[in-house]
C-alpha atoms as a PDB file:
ATOM      1  CA  MET A   1     114.245  25.156 258.541  1.00  0.00           C
ATOM      2  CA  ASP A   2     111.083  23.660 257.132  1.00  0.00           C
ATOM      3  CA  GLU A   3     111.546  22.774 253.433  1.00  0.00           C
ATOM      4  CA  ILE A   4     108.094  24.038 252.522  1.00  0.00           C
ATOM      5  CA  LEU A   5     108.682  27.367 254.299  1.00  0.00           C
ATOM      6  CA  ALA A   6     111.997  27.781 252.476  1.00  0.00           C
ATOM      7  CA  LYS A   7     110.283  27.292 249.114  1.00  0.00           C
ATOM      8  CA  VAL A   8     107.411  29.603 250.118  1.00  0.00           C
ATOM      9  CA  ARG A   9     109.985  32.262 251.015  1.00  0.00           C
ATOM     10  CA  GLN A  10     111.498  31.975 247.536  1.00  0.00           C
ATOM     11  CA  VAL A  11     108.066  32.381 245.959  1.00  0.00           C
ATOM     12  CA  PHE A  12     107.494  35.501 248.077  1.00  0.00           C
ATOM     13  CA  ARG A  13     110.869  36.848 246.934  1.00  0.00           C
ATOM     14  CA  ASP A  14     110.008  36.260 243.290  1.00  0.00           C
ATOM     15  CA  THR A  15     106.422  37.528 243.595  1.00  0.00           C
ATOM     16  CA  PHE A  16     106.870  40.561 245.846  1.00  0.00           C
ATOM     17  CA  ASN A  17     110.582  41.316 245.435  1.00  0.00           C
ATOM     18  CA  CYS A  18     111.215  41.002 249.168  1.00  0.00           C
ATOM     19  CA  GLU A  19     113.996  39.380 251.152  1.00  0.00           C
ATOM     20  CA  PRO A  20     113.185  35.742 251.994  1.00  0.00           C
ATOM     21  CA  GLY A  21     114.462  36.343 255.535  1.00  0.00           C
ATOM     22  CA  GLN A  22     111.626  38.823 256.103  1.00  0.00           C
ATOM     23  CA  ILE A  23     109.065  36.035 255.639  1.00  0.00           C
ATOM     24  CA  SER A  24     108.217  33.911 258.686  1.00  0.00           C
ATOM     25  CA  PHE A  25     105.266  31.822 259.835  1.00  0.00           C
ATOM     26  CA  ASP A  26     103.795  34.969 261.433  1.00  0.00           C
ATOM     27  CA  THR A  27     103.961  37.144 258.294  1.00  0.00           C
ATOM     28  CA  LYS A  28     100.586  38.614 257.327  1.00  0.00           C
ATOM     29  CA  PRO A  29      99.500  40.429 254.134  1.00  0.00           C
ATOM     30  CA  GLU A  30      99.725  43.892 255.691  1.00  0.00           C
ATOM     31  CA  GLN A  31     103.434  43.284 256.341  1.00  0.00           C
ATOM     32  CA  VAL A  32     104.342  42.589 252.695  1.00  0.00           C
ATOM     33  CA  LYS A  33     104.185  45.367 250.120  1.00  0.00           C
ATOM     34  CA  GLY A  34     102.024  44.188 247.238  1.00  0.00           C
ATOM     35  CA  TRP A  35     100.252  41.378 249.107  1.00  0.00           C
ATOM     36  CA  ASP A  36      96.815  42.798 248.433  1.00  0.00           C
ATOM     37  CA  SER A  37      93.879  41.054 246.735  1.00  0.00           C
ATOM     38  CA  LEU A  38      95.541  41.021 243.319  1.00  0.00           C
ATOM     39  CA  GLY A  39      98.889  40.086 244.845  1.00  0.00           C
ATOM     40  CA  HIS A  40      97.167  37.230 246.680  1.00  0.00           C
ATOM     41  CA  VAL A  41      95.952  35.756 243.386  1.00  0.00           C
ATOM     42  CA  THR A  42      99.412  36.138 241.858  1.00  0.00           C
ATOM     43  CA  LEU A  43     101.012  34.564 244.932  1.00  0.00           C
ATOM     44  CA  ALA A  44      98.601  31.612 244.797  1.00  0.00           C
ATOM     45  CA  SER A  45      99.373  31.054 241.117  1.00  0.00           C
ATOM     46  CA  GLU A  46     103.128  31.141 241.766  1.00  0.00           C
ATOM     47  CA  LEU A  47     102.741  28.739 244.702  1.00  0.00           C
ATOM     48  CA  GLU A  48     100.724  26.352 242.522  1.00  0.00           C
ATOM     49  CA  GLN A  49     103.512  26.339 239.950  1.00  0.00           C
ATOM     50  CA  ALA A  50     106.304  25.984 242.508  1.00  0.00           C
ATOM     51  CA  PHE A  51     104.672  23.069 244.318  1.00  0.00           C
ATOM     52  CA  GLY A  52     102.756  21.470 241.441  1.00  0.00           C
ATOM     53  CA  LEU A  53      99.441  21.970 243.240  1.00  0.00           C
ATOM     54  CA  SER A  54      96.016  23.372 242.540  1.00  0.00           C
ATOM     55  CA  PHE A  55      94.238  25.459 245.164  1.00  0.00           C
ATOM     56  CA  GLU A  56      90.490  25.544 245.691  1.00  0.00           C
ATOM     57  CA  VAL A  57      88.680  28.802 246.495  1.00  0.00           C
ATOM     58  CA  ASP A  58      88.419  27.695 250.146  1.00  0.00           C
ATOM     59  CA  ASP A  59      92.209  27.253 250.247  1.00  0.00           C
ATOM     60  CA  LEU A  60      92.718  30.797 248.970  1.00  0.00           C
ATOM     61  CA  MET A  61      90.394  32.201 251.606  1.00  0.00           C
ATOM     62  CA  GLU A  62      92.242  30.306 254.371  1.00  0.00           C
ATOM     63  CA  MET A  63      95.599  31.821 253.350  1.00  0.00           C
ATOM     64  CA  GLU A  64      95.524  34.579 255.961  1.00  0.00           C
ATOM     65  CA  ASP A  65      99.223  34.361 256.830  1.00  0.00           C
ATOM     66  CA  VAL A  66     102.333  32.388 255.918  1.00  0.00           C
ATOM     67  CA  ALA A  67     101.633  29.734 258.573  1.00  0.00           C
ATOM     68  CA  ALA A  68      98.262  28.996 256.951  1.00  0.00           C
ATOM     69  CA  ILE A  69      99.874  28.858 253.499  1.00  0.00           C
ATOM     70  CA  VAL A  70     102.461  26.335 254.703  1.00  0.00           C
ATOM     71  CA  GLN A  71      99.756  24.273 256.438  1.00  0.00           C
ATOM     72  CA  ILE A  72      97.592  24.168 253.296  1.00  0.00           C
ATOM     73  CA  ILE A  73     100.529  23.179 251.103  1.00  0.00           C
ATOM     74  CA  ARG A  74     101.592  20.496 253.587  1.00  0.00           C
ATOM     75  CA  ARG A  75      98.016  19.121 253.660  1.00  0.00           C
ATOM     76  CA  LYS A  76      97.837  19.004 249.851  1.00  0.00           C
ATOM     77  CA  LEU A  77     101.245  17.343 249.500  1.00  0.00           C
ATOM     78  CA  ASN A  78     100.454  14.725 252.152  1.00  0.00           C
ATOM     79  CA  PRO A  79      96.729  13.965 251.897  1.00  0.00           C
END
């Protein structure tokens, strides 16, 4: 499994109290209880801490599903 996805799954578990196995590349906000606009901000903050990154507003708007989140993190880690 992708290392970044594994870490993202852990952040989802900690942020939304869900099973990491429920989170896949195809997971969208409507599939995760609590992943609303406020939850999105909380998730972004937790991801920043977990990966040692800082997201721009454009990054946050691109985070439409887990695949996009992983892609953004990968891009920031390997510029």
